[in-house]
Amino acid sequence: ERAADNYMMLDFEGGATVLLPHRLDQHHDGDETEEGGSSSGWVTSLDWTPGRIRYQVDRKVMGGTKLKGLRTLELSEVQGADA
C-alpha cells in the first residue's frame, strides 16, 4: 500500500498505459523500511494494445542506494482478447 501511493498511471490515446513511480525512496538498503514495508525496488511499466496483440514492458530496478541498478527488463506479448 505504501508503494502504491508512490505510483501514477497515465492513459494515452492509441491504447497505451504507463505506470511509473513519481517518488523513489532511496534511503533504505535493507529488507525493511521505516514504515515496516519492503524496499525491494520499483517498476516502470508500459502496456500497449495497438490492435490484436497486447505488449507489456516492465523495467524493474533495485531499491535503496542501488536504485540505478537494473534488476530485470521483461517483455510480454499476448493476444489482445486474452489480456
Protein backbone atom coordinates (compact mmCIF):
# COMPACT_ATOMS: atom_id res chain seq x y z
CA GLU A 1 0.00 0.00 0.00
CA ARG A 2 2.86 2.40 0.82
CA ALA A 3 4.43 1.76 -2.59
CA ALA A 4 1.08 2.17 -4.38
CA ASP A 5 0.93 5.78 -3.15
CA ASN A 6 4.21 6.44 -4.97
CA TYR A 7 2.93 5.39 -8.42
CA MET A 8 0.91 7.18 -11.06
CA MET A 9 -0.87 5.77 -14.12
CA LEU A 10 -1.13 7.63 -17.39
CA ASP A 11 -3.51 6.61 -20.18
CA PHE A 12 -2.59 7.68 -23.70
CA GLU A 13 -4.51 7.84 -26.94
CA GLY A 14 -3.93 4.75 -29.06
CA GLY A 15 -4.33 2.17 -26.31
CA ALA A 16 -1.15 2.79 -24.29
CA THR A 17 -0.94 2.94 -20.49
CA VAL A 18 2.17 3.82 -18.48
CA LEU A 19 2.61 3.05 -14.78
CA LEU A 20 5.57 4.79 -13.17
CA PRO A 21 6.79 5.85 -9.76
CA HIS A 22 6.59 9.59 -9.15
CA ARG A 23 8.56 9.30 -5.90
CA LEU A 24 11.52 6.98 -5.32
CA ASP A 25 12.65 6.12 -1.81
CA GLN A 26 16.46 5.95 -1.96
CA HIS A 27 17.15 5.84 1.77
CA HIS A 28 16.74 2.13 2.51
CA ASP A 29 19.13 -0.70 1.70
CA GLY A 30 17.66 -3.44 3.89
CA ASP A 31 14.56 -5.51 3.54
CA GLU A 32 12.57 -3.35 5.95
CA THR A 33 11.62 0.31 5.61
CA GLU A 34 10.80 2.71 8.45
CA GLU A 35 7.11 2.01 7.82
CA GLY A 36 7.69 -1.76 8.06
CA GLY A 37 7.39 -2.42 4.32
CA SER A 38 9.84 -3.75 1.80
CA SER A 39 12.29 -1.65 -0.22
CA SER A 40 12.69 -4.30 -2.89
CA GLY A 41 12.63 -1.82 -5.77
CA TRP A 42 10.45 -0.05 -8.31
CA VAL A 43 8.72 -0.84 -11.60
CA THR A 44 8.02 1.24 -14.69
CA SER A 45 5.52 -0.46 -16.97
CA LEU A 46 4.25 0.25 -20.49
CA ASP A 47 1.11 -1.59 -21.60
CA TRP A 48 0.12 -1.11 -25.24
CA THR A 49 -2.62 -2.74 -27.31
CA PRO A 50 -2.35 -1.28 -30.82
CA GLY A 51 -4.53 -3.99 -32.39
CA ARG A 52 -4.95 -7.69 -31.79
CA ILE A 53 -1.67 -8.05 -29.86
CA ARG A 54 -1.05 -6.60 -26.39
CA TYR A 55 2.51 -5.70 -25.44
CA GLN A 56 3.77 -5.06 -21.93
CA VAL A 57 7.28 -3.95 -20.98
CA ASP A 58 8.29 -3.93 -17.30
CA ARG A 59 11.53 -2.29 -16.20
CA LYS A 60 12.31 -3.28 -12.61
CA VAL A 61 15.04 -1.51 -10.66
CA MET A 62 16.54 -2.19 -7.27
CA GLY A 63 15.60 -0.17 -4.19
CA GLY A 64 17.62 1.96 -1.79
CA THR A 65 21.03 3.22 -2.83
CA LYS A 66 21.15 0.59 -5.61
CA LEU A 67 18.34 2.45 -7.40
CA LYS A 68 20.32 2.85 -10.63
CA GLY A 69 20.80 -0.91 -10.91
CA LEU A 70 18.51 -2.69 -13.36
CA ARG A 71 17.03 -5.81 -11.78
CA THR A 72 15.03 -7.10 -14.78
CA LEU A 73 13.61 -5.98 -18.11
CA GLU A 74 10.63 -8.06 -19.26
CA LEU A 75 8.63 -8.04 -22.49
CA SER A 76 5.27 -9.83 -22.68
CA GLU A 77 3.24 -10.30 -25.84
CA VAL A 78 -0.29 -11.81 -25.77
CA GLN A 79 -3.43 -11.75 -27.87
CA GLY A 80 -5.38 -8.57 -27.03
CA ALA A 81 -8.60 -10.51 -26.32
CA ASP A 82 -6.74 -12.71 -23.79
CA ALA A 83 -5.32 -9.76 -21.84
